[in-house]
Amino acid sequence: MKTTALALMILAAWPGSAAAAAAQELRYWGRSPGTATGVIELGHGTYYEIAPGADIPGWGRVKEVTDDLLVVERARSAAEMQQAQERGALVHEAIEIHIPRHDLRLPRAVGPAERGR
């Protein structure tokens, strides 16, 4: 989960990243029962059913949908790659973003029986 947060922070703070600036808040609500699709909330209160190969505006193309995780791959523009190269950073053609199911991010109380595990 720390890696996901880091990837999202890097993506959001990436200089010159128009896609990152235009990306709306994205929440993953998990896979639809009995299907290969998942449900996302884009912005506030707008829900979409997505499947591998679908494009999410400002985020990229859906690579994988699981019960607990949404994997999105965002291709970087030539300008973004050139800026990274000029700064001496590693140049990647795409960034893979792992978005955990939203309700798994919420803290939950741990009972006495679970503390000993």
Protein backbone atom coordinates (compact mmCIF):
# COMPACT_ATOMS: atom_id res chain seq x y z
CA MET A 1 0.00 0.00 0.00
CA LYS A 2 2.94 2.36 0.67
CA THR A 3 4.10 1.74 -2.90
CA THR A 4 0.69 2.70 -4.24
CA ALA A 5 0.64 5.92 -2.25
CA LEU A 6 4.16 6.71 -3.43
CA ALA A 7 3.30 6.02 -7.07
CA LEU A 8 0.22 8.22 -6.82
CA MET A 9 2.20 11.03 -5.17
CA ILE A 10 4.90 10.83 -7.85
CA LEU A 11 2.29 10.82 -10.59
CA ALA A 12 0.44 13.78 -9.06
CA ALA A 13 3.63 15.79 -8.53
CA TRP A 14 5.32 14.92 -11.83
CA PRO A 15 6.38 18.20 -13.49
CA GLY A 16 4.73 18.83 -16.82
CA SER A 17 2.29 16.00 -16.41
CA ALA A 18 -0.92 17.31 -17.94
CA ALA A 19 -2.61 13.95 -17.43
CA ALA A 20 -1.78 13.98 -13.73
CA ALA A 21 -3.14 17.50 -13.38
CA ALA A 22 -6.34 16.58 -15.22
CA ALA A 23 -6.93 13.29 -13.38
CA GLN A 24 -9.99 13.21 -11.20
CA GLU A 25 -10.04 11.42 -7.87
CA LEU A 26 -10.39 7.69 -8.46
CA ARG A 27 -11.75 5.11 -6.03
CA TYR A 28 -11.87 1.40 -6.75
CA TRP A 29 -14.81 -0.42 -5.18
CA GLY A 30 -13.89 -3.97 -6.17
CA ARG A 31 -14.84 -6.54 -8.76
CA SER A 32 -18.44 -7.10 -9.71
CA PRO A 33 -19.65 -10.52 -8.48
CA GLY A 34 -19.29 -13.26 -11.07
CA THR A 35 -17.70 -11.04 -13.74
CA ALA A 36 -14.29 -9.83 -14.88
CA THR A 37 -15.35 -6.19 -14.45
CA GLY A 38 -14.86 -3.83 -11.54
CA VAL A 39 -16.54 -0.67 -10.28
CA ILE A 40 -14.78 2.69 -9.97
CA GLU A 41 -15.90 6.07 -8.73
CA LEU A 42 -14.41 8.86 -10.80
CA GLY A 43 -14.76 12.27 -9.22
CA HIS A 44 -17.55 12.36 -6.65
CA GLY A 45 -20.56 10.12 -7.15
CA THR A 46 -19.94 9.11 -10.77
CA TYR A 47 -19.62 5.31 -11.01
CA TYR A 48 -18.39 3.25 -13.96
CA GLU A 49 -18.06 -0.44 -14.62
CA ILE A 50 -14.60 -1.13 -16.07
CA ALA A 51 -12.80 -4.12 -17.57
CA PRO A 52 -9.21 -4.79 -18.68
CA GLY A 53 -8.43 -2.67 -21.74
CA ALA A 54 -10.78 0.17 -20.77
CA ASP A 55 -9.39 3.72 -20.72
CA ILE A 56 -9.89 5.85 -17.61
CA PRO A 57 -9.53 9.55 -18.52
CA GLY A 58 -6.51 11.11 -16.84
CA TRP A 59 -5.37 7.76 -15.40
CA GLY A 60 -4.62 5.37 -18.25
CA ARG A 61 -5.63 1.92 -19.50
CA VAL A 62 -6.93 -0.78 -17.15
CA LYS A 63 -4.45 -3.63 -17.08
CA GLU A 64 -5.96 -5.88 -14.40
CA VAL A 65 -9.08 -6.09 -12.23
CA THR A 66 -9.03 -8.24 -9.09
CA ASP A 67 -11.19 -8.44 -5.98
CA ASP A 68 -8.78 -6.23 -4.04
CA LEU A 69 -6.77 -4.30 -6.62
CA LEU A 70 -7.10 -2.28 -9.81
CA VAL A 71 -3.97 -2.02 -11.98
CA VAL A 72 -3.79 0.88 -14.42
CA GLU A 73 -0.98 1.56 -16.88
CA ARG A 74 -0.39 5.15 -17.95
CA ALA A 75 1.79 5.76 -20.99
CA ARG A 76 4.06 8.75 -20.62
CA SER A 77 4.23 11.38 -23.34
CA ALA A 78 7.42 12.13 -25.25
CA ALA A 79 7.59 15.51 -23.46
CA GLU A 80 7.38 13.84 -20.03
CA MET A 81 10.12 11.38 -20.96
CA GLN A 82 12.32 14.20 -22.29
CA GLN A 83 11.84 16.21 -19.09
CA ALA A 84 12.80 13.18 -17.00
CA GLN A 85 15.89 12.62 -19.13
CA GLU A 86 16.92 16.29 -18.81
CA ARG A 87 16.67 16.01 -15.03
CA GLY A 88 18.83 12.89 -15.08
CA ALA A 89 15.96 10.68 -13.89
CA LEU A 90 15.18 7.19 -15.14
CA VAL A 91 13.05 7.30 -18.26
CA HIS A 92 10.08 4.94 -18.39
CA GLU A 93 7.59 4.69 -21.22
CA ALA A 94 4.75 3.77 -18.87
CA ILE A 95 3.86 3.94 -15.20
CA GLU A 96 1.92 1.10 -13.57
CA ILE A 97 -0.41 2.33 -10.84
CA HIS A 98 -1.85 -0.09 -8.26
CA ILE A 99 -5.07 1.13 -6.65
CA PRO A 100 -6.33 -0.94 -3.71
CA ARG A 101 -10.04 -1.42 -3.17
CA HIS A 102 -11.30 1.67 -1.35
CA ASP A 103 -12.77 -0.10 1.68
CA LEU A 104 -9.43 -1.86 2.28
CA ARG A 105 -7.80 1.54 2.83
CA LEU A 106 -10.07 2.37 5.73
CA PRO A 107 -8.72 1.61 9.21
CA ARG A 108 -10.48 -1.17 11.05
CA ALA A 109 -10.49 -2.07 14.70
CA VAL A 110 -8.52 -5.14 15.67
CA GLY A 111 -10.12 -7.30 18.33
CA PRO A 112 -8.21 -9.09 21.14
CA ALA A 113 -8.41 -12.45 19.29
CA GLU A 114 -6.65 -10.95 16.23
CA ARG A 115 -3.87 -9.17 18.12
CA GLY A 116 -2.05 -12.40 18.93
CA ARG A 117 -1.73 -13.51 15.30
